[in-house]
Amino acid sequence: MGAHTRCVTDGSAAFSLAVARALETADFSIRHLAPGDHRKLYNLVRVTMSTVAPVDSFYIAFLRDEHMLVIPYVYDGQEHEHSGFQAYGPEGLTAWIKKNARPYRYASDQGRLLHKGHTFGDHERLSRDAIVVPLLDPVDGGQRVAGLASMLTYQPDAYGDEAVLAFEWLARRTMRALAREREDAHEMAGFVERGERTSLTHGSVPGVVEMVSHALGSMKETITSLIQGPGDGVDSKGTLRDLLEQCERLQTDVAELLLMPTTEGGDLLITLTPREREIAGLIADGLSNDQIATRLVISEKTAKTHVSRILRKFGVRQRSAVAAKLRPF
């Protein structure tokens, strides 16, 4: 079979043989990643796309509310950048992706929207091509934009239709992996009676301290062993690479803590129906009843009824209190 042989990978898009093989390899790796290792997951997406087209800068980000974007993974050139968060406005690229729920391509406006907001990569150079795809969460037969993934290059006209389709395909696989992880965590949480949950529940302050302390302790042991001098046959550079990987993973984990509900919020979510959990998330995003109705294609009266039930179950009167319990930072 030649390099340009077409092959269908998932029934919805056809790729050249080389790209199909890269995506199949990525899919296998995603399915076998350790749960919770999001750094490797995001890195796998970037590395796979770099086999399809040039990637000079790359980031993955998630919407926390109407104004904040949490960025757990940023890569520029040959190194990872600091994870973190930033505000976004109503007229920028993030808002466009959130509203349209479809990929943005540099060629659509010659980068006008891309260059309008925050810059990534080399701040002294403008990207000459880019693809930004939405990260979509399934919700009751539909989808909502949970975040975005972006790949940029300083080479003009580098991204064709196949690169866009491949990036979308990987974005879907990434969100499925994260959704499966949440489902597994929710199922495990059901094994424990509410009154018997430990103080180290994921998302609680003690749980966060425990996670960070464990990671720092492991890095401290590695550093101490290097200071004391490596033993015979020890690969110092390899040890340092492992230490660097631990630091990068911790950066991602700490950034993603902003996306987690508090222990109290997690407990409250368990009391909601799937539809109510979906609407609670939209309330936390700042959507009004009519906006929720439009997003979910339901009547405003139905949306109002759901909101009232959620407020009652949460034991609060104000919509802002729902956001405070689910997203306290």
Protein backbone atom coordinates (compact mmCIF):
# COMPACT_ATOMS: atom_id res chain seq x y z
CA MET A 1 0.00 0.00 0.00
CA GLY A 2 1.35 3.46 -0.88
CA ALA A 3 1.86 6.38 1.45
CA HIS A 4 -1.23 8.10 0.07
CA THR A 5 -3.61 5.17 0.50
CA ARG A 6 -6.80 6.34 2.18
CA CYS A 7 -8.06 4.54 5.21
CA VAL A 8 -11.04 5.13 7.48
CA THR A 9 -10.29 5.11 11.22
CA ASP A 10 -13.58 5.78 12.99
CA GLY A 11 -16.34 5.87 10.40
CA SER A 12 -16.43 9.67 10.30
CA ALA A 13 -13.12 10.71 8.72
CA ALA A 14 -10.62 9.27 6.29
CA PHE A 15 -6.87 9.72 6.70
CA SER A 16 -3.75 8.87 4.77
CA LEU A 17 -2.14 5.63 5.86
CA ALA A 18 0.69 7.37 7.75
CA VAL A 19 -1.70 9.59 9.72
CA ALA A 20 -4.09 6.72 10.40
CA ARG A 21 -1.24 4.68 11.85
CA ALA A 22 -0.16 7.59 14.06
CA LEU A 23 -3.72 8.00 15.37
CA GLU A 24 -4.15 4.28 15.98
CA THR A 25 -0.91 4.20 17.95
CA ALA A 26 -2.03 7.23 19.96
CA ASP A 27 -5.42 5.64 20.65
CA PHE A 28 -3.73 2.48 21.96
CA SER A 29 -1.47 4.55 24.22
CA ILE A 30 -4.36 6.66 25.52
CA ARG A 31 -6.31 3.54 26.46
CA HIS A 32 -3.36 2.21 28.45
CA LEU A 33 -2.29 5.37 30.26
CA ALA A 34 -2.38 5.29 34.04
CA PRO A 35 -5.52 7.07 35.35
CA GLY A 36 -4.79 10.60 36.44
CA ASP A 37 -1.61 11.03 34.42
CA HIS A 38 -2.97 13.94 32.41
CA ARG A 39 0.47 15.31 31.64
CA LYS A 40 1.28 12.21 29.61
CA LEU A 41 -2.14 12.33 27.98
CA TYR A 42 -1.71 15.91 26.77
CA ASN A 43 1.90 15.28 25.80
CA LEU A 44 0.80 12.28 23.73
CA VAL A 45 -1.64 14.46 21.78
CA ARG A 46 1.09 17.01 21.03
CA VAL A 47 3.68 14.43 20.00
CA THR A 48 1.17 12.66 17.76
CA MET A 49 0.19 15.89 16.02
CA SER A 50 3.86 16.73 15.51
CA THR A 51 4.09 13.62 13.32
CA VAL A 52 1.24 14.99 11.20
CA ALA A 53 2.36 18.62 10.83
CA PRO A 54 4.89 21.06 12.33
CA VAL A 55 4.12 22.14 15.91
CA ASP A 56 6.10 25.06 17.35
CA SER A 57 3.74 25.83 20.23
CA PHE A 58 0.94 23.81 21.77
CA TYR A 59 -1.43 24.19 24.69
CA ILE A 60 -4.49 22.58 26.25
CA ALA A 61 -6.87 24.68 28.34
CA PHE A 62 -10.19 24.26 30.12
CA LEU A 63 -12.97 26.73 30.84
CA ARG A 64 -13.46 27.28 34.53
CA ASP A 65 -16.19 29.93 34.30
CA GLU A 66 -17.22 32.87 32.13
CA HIS A 67 -13.91 34.64 32.66
CA MET A 68 -11.16 32.16 33.54
CA LEU A 69 -9.20 29.67 31.46
CA VAL A 70 -7.17 27.01 33.28
CA ILE A 71 -4.10 25.97 31.26
CA PRO A 72 -2.58 22.74 32.62
CA TYR A 73 -0.32 22.09 29.63
CA VAL A 74 1.78 24.53 27.58
CA TYR A 75 4.65 23.56 25.28
CA ASP A 76 6.84 25.96 23.35
CA GLY A 77 9.71 24.95 21.10
CA GLN A 78 11.61 22.29 22.97
CA GLU A 79 10.36 22.79 26.50
CA HIS A 80 7.29 22.83 28.70
CA GLU A 81 6.14 26.19 30.05
CA HIS A 82 4.53 26.93 33.40
CA SER A 83 0.95 25.79 33.84
CA GLY A 84 -1.51 28.31 35.19
CA PHE A 85 -4.62 30.28 34.38
CA GLN A 86 -5.64 33.50 32.67
CA ALA A 87 -8.71 35.61 32.12
CA TYR A 88 -10.44 35.71 28.76
CA GLY A 89 -12.80 38.27 27.30
CA PRO A 90 -16.05 38.09 25.34
CA GLU A 91 -14.50 38.93 21.97
CA GLY A 92 -11.41 36.70 21.90
CA LEU A 93 -10.59 33.29 20.51
CA THR A 94 -11.70 31.39 23.62
CA ALA A 95 -15.13 33.03 23.53
CA TRP A 96 -15.37 32.26 19.80
CA ILE A 97 -14.61 28.58 20.37
CA LYS A 98 -17.07 28.44 23.25
CA LYS A 99 -19.82 30.01 21.17
CA ASN A 100 -19.28 28.13 17.91
CA ALA A 101 -18.06 24.74 19.20
CA ARG A 102 -16.03 24.15 16.05
CA PRO A 103 -12.37 24.44 15.02
CA TYR A 104 -10.73 27.77 14.34
CA ARG A 105 -8.27 27.92 11.45
CA TYR A 106 -5.71 30.63 10.89
CA ALA A 107 -6.64 30.74 7.21
CA SER A 108 -10.22 31.73 8.02
CA ASP A 109 -9.18 35.29 8.96
CA GLN A 110 -5.40 35.31 8.46
CA GLY A 111 -4.87 35.01 12.20
CA ARG A 112 -6.79 38.13 13.20
CA LEU A 113 -8.68 36.42 16.02
CA LEU A 114 -5.63 34.41 17.08
CA HIS A 115 -3.41 37.48 17.42
CA LYS A 116 -6.11 39.45 19.18
CA GLY A 117 -5.75 37.65 22.50
CA HIS A 118 -2.96 36.27 24.68
CA THR A 119 0.12 35.07 22.81
CA PHE A 120 1.84 31.73 23.23
CA GLY A 121 5.29 30.69 22.10
CA ASP A 122 7.90 33.21 21.02
CA HIS A 123 6.42 36.61 21.89
CA GLU A 124 8.66 38.30 19.33
CA ARG A 125 7.26 36.24 16.44
CA LEU A 126 3.71 35.90 15.19
CA SER A 127 2.35 32.46 14.39
CA ARG A 128 1.81 31.96 10.67
CA ASP A 129 -0.61 29.08 10.94
CA ALA A 130 -2.76 27.60 13.70
CA ILE A 131 -5.55 25.18 14.51
CA VAL A 132 -7.65 25.52 17.65
CA VAL A 133 -10.20 22.79 18.35
CA PRO A 134 -12.89 22.65 21.04
CA LEU A 135 -12.73 20.03 23.79
CA LEU A 136 -16.30 18.76 24.00
CA ASP A 137 -18.01 17.07 26.94
CA PRO A 138 -21.04 14.87 26.19
CA VAL A 139 -24.15 16.07 28.00
CA ASP A 140 -27.49 14.29 27.69
CA GLY A 141 -27.20 13.48 24.00
CA GLY A 142 -25.54 16.81 23.20
CA GLN A 143 -22.18 18.41 23.81
CA ARG A 144 -20.78 21.45 25.60
CA VAL A 145 -17.43 23.15 25.16
CA ALA A 146 -15.26 22.31 28.17
CA GLY A 147 -12.01 23.72 26.81
CA LEU A 148 -9.77 24.02 23.79
CA ALA A 149 -6.55 22.64 22.34
CA SER A 150 -4.27 24.68 20.12
CA MET A 151 -1.32 23.95 17.85
CA LEU A 152 0.66 26.77 16.24
CA THR A 153 3.60 27.11 13.88
CA TYR A 154 5.76 29.88 12.44
CA GLN A 155 5.54 28.23 9.02
CA PRO A 156 2.84 29.61 6.70
CA ASP A 157 0.15 27.37 5.20
CA ALA A 158 1.31 24.35 7.22
CA TYR A 159 -2.07 22.93 8.24
CA GLY A 160 -4.40 21.31 5.76
CA ASP A 161 -7.79 19.68 6.18
CA GLU A 162 -6.27 16.37 7.30
CA ALA A 163 -4.40 18.04 10.16
CA VAL A 164 -7.65 19.64 11.36
CA LEU A 165 -9.51 16.32 11.23
CA ALA A 166 -6.68 14.51 13.02
CA PHE A 167 -6.58 17.15 15.77
CA GLU A 168 -10.36 16.93 16.24
CA TRP A 169 -10.09 13.14 16.39
CA LEU A 170 -7.45 13.30 19.12
CA ALA A 171 -9.47 15.90 21.02
CA ARG A 172 -12.45 13.52 21.08
CA ARG A 173 -10.26 10.64 22.29
CA THR A 174 -8.80 12.86 25.00
CA MET A 175 -12.20 13.91 26.31
CA ARG A 176 -13.43 10.31 26.27
CA ALA A 177 -10.45 9.29 28.37
CA LEU A 178 -11.14 12.08 30.88
CA ALA A 179 -14.85 11.22 30.96
CA ARG A 180 -14.09 7.54 31.66
CA GLU A 181 -11.80 8.59 34.46
CA ARG A 182 -14.52 10.73 36.05
CA GLU A 183 -17.05 7.92 35.71
CA ASP A 184 -14.69 5.47 37.40
CA ALA A 185 -14.02 7.92 40.23
CA HIS A 186 -17.74 8.49 40.68
CA GLU A 187 -18.39 4.75 40.79
CA MET A 188 -15.65 4.23 43.38
CA ALA A 189 -17.06 7.06 45.47
CA GLY A 190 -20.35 5.17 45.59
CA PHE A 191 -18.68 2.31 47.45
CA VAL A 192 -18.22 4.49 50.53
CA GLU A 193 -21.03 5.81 52.67
CA ARG A 194 -21.07 9.59 52.84
CA GLY A 195 -20.49 9.68 56.59
CA GLU A 196 -17.47 7.42 56.29
CA ARG A 197 -15.50 9.39 53.69
CA THR A 198 -11.96 10.20 54.68
CA SER A 199 -10.46 13.65 55.09
CA LEU A 200 -8.28 12.94 52.05
CA THR A 201 -11.15 13.00 49.57
CA HIS A 202 -9.86 14.28 46.25
CA GLY A 203 -10.46 18.03 46.05
CA SER A 204 -10.44 18.62 49.81
CA VAL A 205 -7.72 20.81 51.31
CA PRO A 206 -6.14 17.82 53.15
CA GLY A 207 -6.32 15.83 49.91
CA VAL A 208 -4.55 18.55 47.97
CA VAL A 209 -1.85 18.85 50.65
CA GLU A 210 -1.39 15.08 50.65
CA MET A 211 -1.02 14.94 46.86
CA VAL A 212 1.47 17.81 46.68
CA SER A 213 3.44 16.60 49.72
CA HIS A 214 3.75 13.11 48.28
CA ALA A 215 5.03 14.46 44.95
CA LEU A 216 7.49 16.83 46.62
CA GLY A 217 8.69 14.07 48.93
CA SER A 218 9.45 11.82 45.99
CA MET A 219 11.38 14.61 44.24
CA LYS A 220 13.25 15.39 47.46
CA GLU A 221 14.45 11.80 47.70
CA THR A 222 15.71 11.93 44.13
CA ILE A 223 17.54 15.21 44.69
CA THR A 224 19.09 13.93 47.90
CA SER A 225 20.41 10.82 46.16
CA LEU A 226 22.01 12.98 43.48
CA ILE A 227 23.63 15.28 46.03
CA GLN A 228 25.07 12.35 47.90
CA GLY A 229 26.54 11.07 44.66
CA PRO A 230 25.20 8.44 42.27
CA GLY A 231 26.19 4.86 42.83
CA ASP A 232 27.90 2.63 40.32
CA GLY A 233 25.93 2.23 37.12
CA VAL A 234 23.45 5.02 37.97
CA ASP A 235 22.44 7.21 35.05
CA SER A 236 22.50 10.73 36.51
CA LYS A 237 21.05 12.33 33.39
CA GLY A 238 18.28 9.76 33.30
CA THR A 239 17.50 10.47 36.95
CA LEU A 240 17.35 14.19 36.24
CA ARG A 241 15.02 13.57 33.30
CA ASP A 242 12.73 11.58 35.61
CA LEU A 243 12.84 14.42 38.12
CA LEU A 244 11.95 16.92 35.41
CA GLU A 245 9.00 14.77 34.36
CA GLN A 246 7.78 14.65 37.97
CA CYS A 247 7.97 18.45 38.19
CA GLU A 248 6.04 18.86 34.95
CA ARG A 249 3.36 16.43 36.05
CA LEU A 250 2.98 18.24 39.37
CA GLN A 251 2.56 21.53 37.51
CA THR A 252 -0.30 20.04 35.50
CA ASP A 253 -1.93 18.44 38.55
CA VAL A 254 -1.80 21.65 40.58
CA ALA A 255 -3.28 23.71 37.72
CA GLU A 256 -6.13 21.23 37.28
CA LEU A 257 -7.07 21.55 40.95
CA LEU A 258 -8.81 24.76 39.86
CA LEU A 259 -11.20 22.61 37.84
CA MET A 260 -12.21 20.34 40.71
CA PRO A 261 -15.20 20.86 43.00
CA THR A 262 -14.63 21.00 46.72
CA THR A 263 -15.41 17.91 48.77
CA GLU A 264 -18.69 19.54 49.78
CA GLY A 265 -19.53 20.34 46.18
CA GLY A 266 -18.68 16.81 45.08
CA ASP A 267 -20.96 15.39 47.75
CA LEU A 268 -23.76 17.71 46.68
CA LEU A 269 -23.41 16.71 43.04
CA ILE A 270 -24.13 13.10 44.00
CA THR A 271 -27.61 14.21 45.10
CA LEU A 272 -28.43 15.57 41.64
CA THR A 273 -29.81 13.80 38.60
CA PRO A 274 -27.60 13.75 35.46
CA ARG A 275 -29.62 16.64 33.96
CA GLU A 276 -29.39 18.62 37.21
CA ARG A 277 -25.60 18.09 37.35
CA GLU A 278 -25.37 19.45 33.83
CA ILE A 279 -27.45 22.51 34.71
CA ALA A 280 -25.51 23.04 37.95
CA GLY A 281 -22.37 23.30 35.84
CA LEU A 282 -24.03 25.90 33.59
CA ILE A 283 -25.15 27.86 36.65
CA ALA A 284 -21.57 27.81 37.88
CA ASP A 285 -20.53 29.11 34.45
CA GLY A 286 -22.80 32.12 35.03
CA LEU A 287 -25.56 31.26 32.55
CA SER A 288 -29.05 32.66 33.13
CA ASN A 289 -32.24 30.59 32.88
CA ASP A 290 -32.90 31.66 29.29
CA GLN A 291 -29.28 30.95 28.32
CA ILE A 292 -29.52 27.50 29.90
CA ALA A 293 -32.77 26.88 28.03
CA THR A 294 -31.17 27.88 24.74
CA ARG A 295 -28.04 25.80 25.35
CA LEU A 296 -30.01 22.65 26.24
CA VAL A 297 -32.93 23.26 23.86
CA ILE A 298 -35.53 23.22 26.61
CA SER A 299 -38.14 25.75 27.66
CA GLU A 300 -37.18 28.54 30.04
CA LYS A 301 -39.86 27.29 32.44
CA THR A 302 -38.24 23.84 32.51
CA ALA A 303 -34.83 25.41 33.10
CA LYS A 304 -36.24 27.49 35.95
CA THR A 305 -37.75 24.38 37.55
CA HIS A 306 -34.43 22.55 37.41
CA VAL A 307 -32.60 25.54 38.87
CA SER A 308 -35.06 25.76 41.75
CA ARG A 309 -34.57 22.08 42.57
CA ILE A 310 -30.78 22.47 42.47
CA LEU A 311 -30.88 25.46 44.82
CA ARG A 312 -33.12 23.52 47.19
CA LYS A 313 -30.85 20.46 47.18
CA PHE A 314 -27.79 22.65 47.76
CA GLY A 315 -29.60 24.45 50.58
CA VAL A 316 -28.94 27.90 49.11
CA ARG A 317 -31.01 30.78 47.74
CA GLN A 318 -28.60 32.46 45.38
CA ARG A 319 -27.21 31.09 42.11
CA SER A 320 -23.78 32.45 43.01
CA ALA A 321 -23.72 30.08 46.00
CA VAL A 322 -23.88 27.11 43.61
CA ALA A 323 -20.77 28.34 41.82
CA ALA A 324 -19.04 28.97 45.15
CA LYS A 325 -19.63 25.38 46.26
CA LEU A 326 -18.60 23.80 42.98
CA ARG A 327 -15.73 26.14 42.09
CA PRO A 328 -14.53 27.81 45.26
CA PHE A 329 -11.35 29.52 44.04
